């Protein structure tokens, strides 16, 4: 497979993908801010007990990561493919938190039943795909041209 260089500035992308990238970036900035402010306690419910860090550190660090990724999606258009890969990896990395919330029967974000927490698990893969699609990282991973 002959992929274009990862850090090469990709050509312009489609309007739907640009809108998707902007929406995802905005969502991540908002969610990151909520980690640090009004929803901080709810995020504690998603911190796996097996992590070697405190719940507070994990929530703040993941909030800062989300803000950074969101701003990168919004403003680093020329680096959107590596940013998209990073955002997708982040969504994969935080998935154990959603599993922990389900397994620990932890109420947060209105997820007050096991059924609701279970359904939430299926929302993470679309976030991964959204990050890859809206940045053309999916096309890049397949070895295609960086814009379609």
Protein backbone atom coordinates (compact mmCIF):
# COMPACT_ATOMS: atom_id res chain seq x y z
CA UNK A 1 0.00 0.00 0.00
CA UNK A 2 1.38 3.40 -0.99
CA UNK A 3 -0.05 6.03 1.36
CA UNK A 4 0.63 9.73 0.94
CA UNK A 5 2.93 11.12 3.67
CA UNK A 6 0.98 11.60 6.90
CA UNK A 7 2.15 15.14 7.57
CA UNK A 8 1.76 16.35 4.00
CA UNK A 9 -0.93 19.02 3.78
CA UNK A 10 -3.98 17.29 2.32
CA UNK A 11 -6.05 18.89 -0.41
CA UNK A 12 -9.40 20.49 0.44
CA UNK A 13 -12.11 18.14 1.61
CA UNK A 14 -15.84 18.00 0.99
CA UNK A 15 -18.29 20.35 2.68
CA UNK A 16 -20.06 17.54 4.62
CA UNK A 17 -16.73 16.33 6.00
CA UNK A 18 -15.69 19.87 6.90
CA UNK A 19 -18.97 20.40 8.74
CA UNK A 20 -18.54 17.02 10.46
CA UNK A 21 -15.00 17.93 11.56
CA UNK A 22 -16.15 21.30 12.91
CA UNK A 23 -19.06 19.72 14.78
CA UNK A 24 -16.82 17.03 16.28
CA UNK A 25 -14.23 19.63 17.29
CA UNK A 26 -16.92 21.77 18.94
CA UNK A 27 -18.34 18.71 20.71
CA UNK A 28 -14.90 17.79 22.05
CA UNK A 29 -14.16 21.32 23.29
CA UNK A 30 -17.54 21.46 25.06
CA UNK A 31 -17.08 18.00 26.59
CA UNK A 32 -13.55 18.85 27.69
CA UNK A 33 -14.74 22.02 29.39
CA UNK A 34 -17.47 20.02 31.11
CA UNK A 35 -14.77 17.69 32.51
CA UNK A 36 -13.19 20.69 34.20
CA UNK A 37 -16.36 22.44 35.36
CA UNK A 38 -20.03 21.51 35.66
CA UNK A 39 -19.92 17.74 34.93
CA UNK A 40 -16.71 16.85 36.73
CA UNK A 41 -18.42 14.62 39.32
CA UNK A 42 -20.30 12.70 36.63
CA UNK A 43 -17.05 11.88 34.85
CA UNK A 44 -15.71 10.24 38.02
CA UNK A 45 -18.22 7.44 37.36
CA UNK A 46 -16.35 6.53 34.18
CA UNK A 47 -12.86 6.25 35.65
CA UNK A 48 -11.87 2.58 35.84
CA UNK A 49 -10.73 1.60 39.34
CA UNK A 50 -7.75 -0.22 37.81
CA UNK A 51 -6.06 2.98 36.61
CA UNK A 52 -2.96 3.92 38.58
CA UNK A 53 -4.05 7.58 38.69
CA UNK A 54 -6.57 9.34 40.91
CA UNK A 55 -10.06 9.94 39.57
CA UNK A 56 -9.47 13.69 39.75
CA UNK A 57 -6.26 13.54 37.72
CA UNK A 58 -7.84 11.23 35.13
CA UNK A 59 -10.90 13.45 34.67
CA UNK A 60 -8.83 16.65 34.38
CA UNK A 61 -6.26 15.06 32.05
CA UNK A 62 -8.93 13.62 29.77
CA UNK A 63 -10.71 16.98 29.75
CA UNK A 64 -7.53 18.77 28.71
CA UNK A 65 -6.96 16.11 26.03
CA UNK A 66 -10.49 16.63 24.71
CA UNK A 67 -10.10 20.39 24.57
CA UNK A 68 -6.76 20.01 22.79
CA UNK A 69 -8.18 17.53 20.26
CA UNK A 70 -11.26 19.68 19.70
CA UNK A 71 -9.24 22.83 19.07
CA UNK A 72 -6.91 20.86 16.81
CA UNK A 73 -9.87 19.62 14.76
CA UNK A 74 -11.14 23.18 14.48
CA UNK A 75 -7.90 24.99 13.66
CA UNK A 76 -5.28 22.55 12.35
CA UNK A 77 -6.93 21.94 9.00
CA UNK A 78 -3.65 21.15 7.25
CA UNK A 79 -2.94 18.42 9.82
CA UNK A 80 -6.46 17.06 9.93
CA UNK A 81 -5.47 13.47 9.08
CA UNK A 82 -3.07 12.99 12.02
CA UNK A 83 -5.49 14.88 14.27
CA UNK A 84 -8.30 12.59 13.11
CA UNK A 85 -6.16 9.55 13.88
CA UNK A 86 -5.40 10.98 17.33
CA UNK A 87 -9.08 11.69 18.02
CA UNK A 88 -10.06 8.17 16.95
CA UNK A 89 -7.32 6.71 19.18
CA UNK A 90 -8.57 8.86 22.07
CA UNK A 91 -12.11 7.55 21.64
CA UNK A 92 -10.75 4.00 21.71
CA UNK A 93 -8.60 4.77 24.77
CA UNK A 94 -11.50 6.11 26.83
CA UNK A 95 -13.85 3.25 25.94
CA UNK A 96 -12.81 1.26 29.05
CA UNK A 97 -14.34 4.10 31.07
CA UNK A 98 -17.72 3.43 29.49
CA UNK A 99 -17.30 -0.27 30.21
CA UNK A 100 -16.34 0.54 33.82
CA UNK A 101 -19.45 2.67 34.25
CA UNK A 102 -21.55 -0.25 33.01
CA UNK A 103 -19.80 -2.93 35.09
CA UNK A 104 -19.79 -0.80 38.25
CA UNK A 105 -23.48 0.16 37.80
CA UNK A 106 -22.44 3.80 38.24
CA UNK A 107 -25.11 6.43 37.67
CA UNK A 108 -23.97 9.51 35.74
CA UNK A 109 -25.14 11.59 32.79
CA UNK A 110 -28.68 10.26 33.20
CA UNK A 111 -27.45 6.70 32.68
CA UNK A 112 -29.25 5.35 35.72
CA UNK A 113 -30.00 1.81 34.54
CA UNK A 114 -27.84 -1.00 33.25
CA UNK A 115 -29.83 -0.95 30.00
CA UNK A 116 -28.99 2.72 29.39
CA UNK A 117 -25.33 2.17 30.28
CA UNK A 118 -25.23 -0.83 27.93
CA UNK A 119 -26.69 1.15 25.02
CA UNK A 120 -24.09 3.87 25.66
CA UNK A 121 -21.35 1.35 24.85
CA UNK A 122 -22.54 1.26 21.24
CA UNK A 123 -22.15 5.02 20.80
CA UNK A 124 -18.34 4.91 20.99
CA UNK A 125 -17.68 3.20 17.62
CA UNK A 126 -19.62 5.90 15.72
CA UNK A 127 -17.41 8.53 17.40
CA UNK A 128 -14.31 6.70 16.16
CA UNK A 129 -15.75 6.52 12.66
CA UNK A 130 -16.82 10.18 12.77
CA UNK A 131 -13.24 11.23 13.63
CA UNK A 132 -11.78 9.10 10.83
CA UNK A 133 -14.39 10.06 8.21
CA UNK A 134 -14.54 13.81 8.84
CA UNK A 135 -10.76 14.21 8.63
CA UNK A 136 -10.20 11.84 5.69
CA UNK A 137 -8.05 9.69 7.97
CA UNK A 138 -10.14 6.67 6.96
CA UNK A 139 -9.26 7.19 3.32
CA UNK A 140 -5.61 7.73 4.25
CA UNK A 141 -5.57 4.48 6.30
CA UNK A 142 -6.89 2.60 3.26
CA UNK A 143 -4.07 4.04 1.15
CA UNK A 144 -6.33 6.14 -1.01
CA UNK A 145 -5.97 9.77 -1.96
CA UNK A 146 -6.36 12.05 1.09
CA UNK A 147 -9.57 13.57 -0.26
CA UNK A 148 -12.62 11.98 -1.77
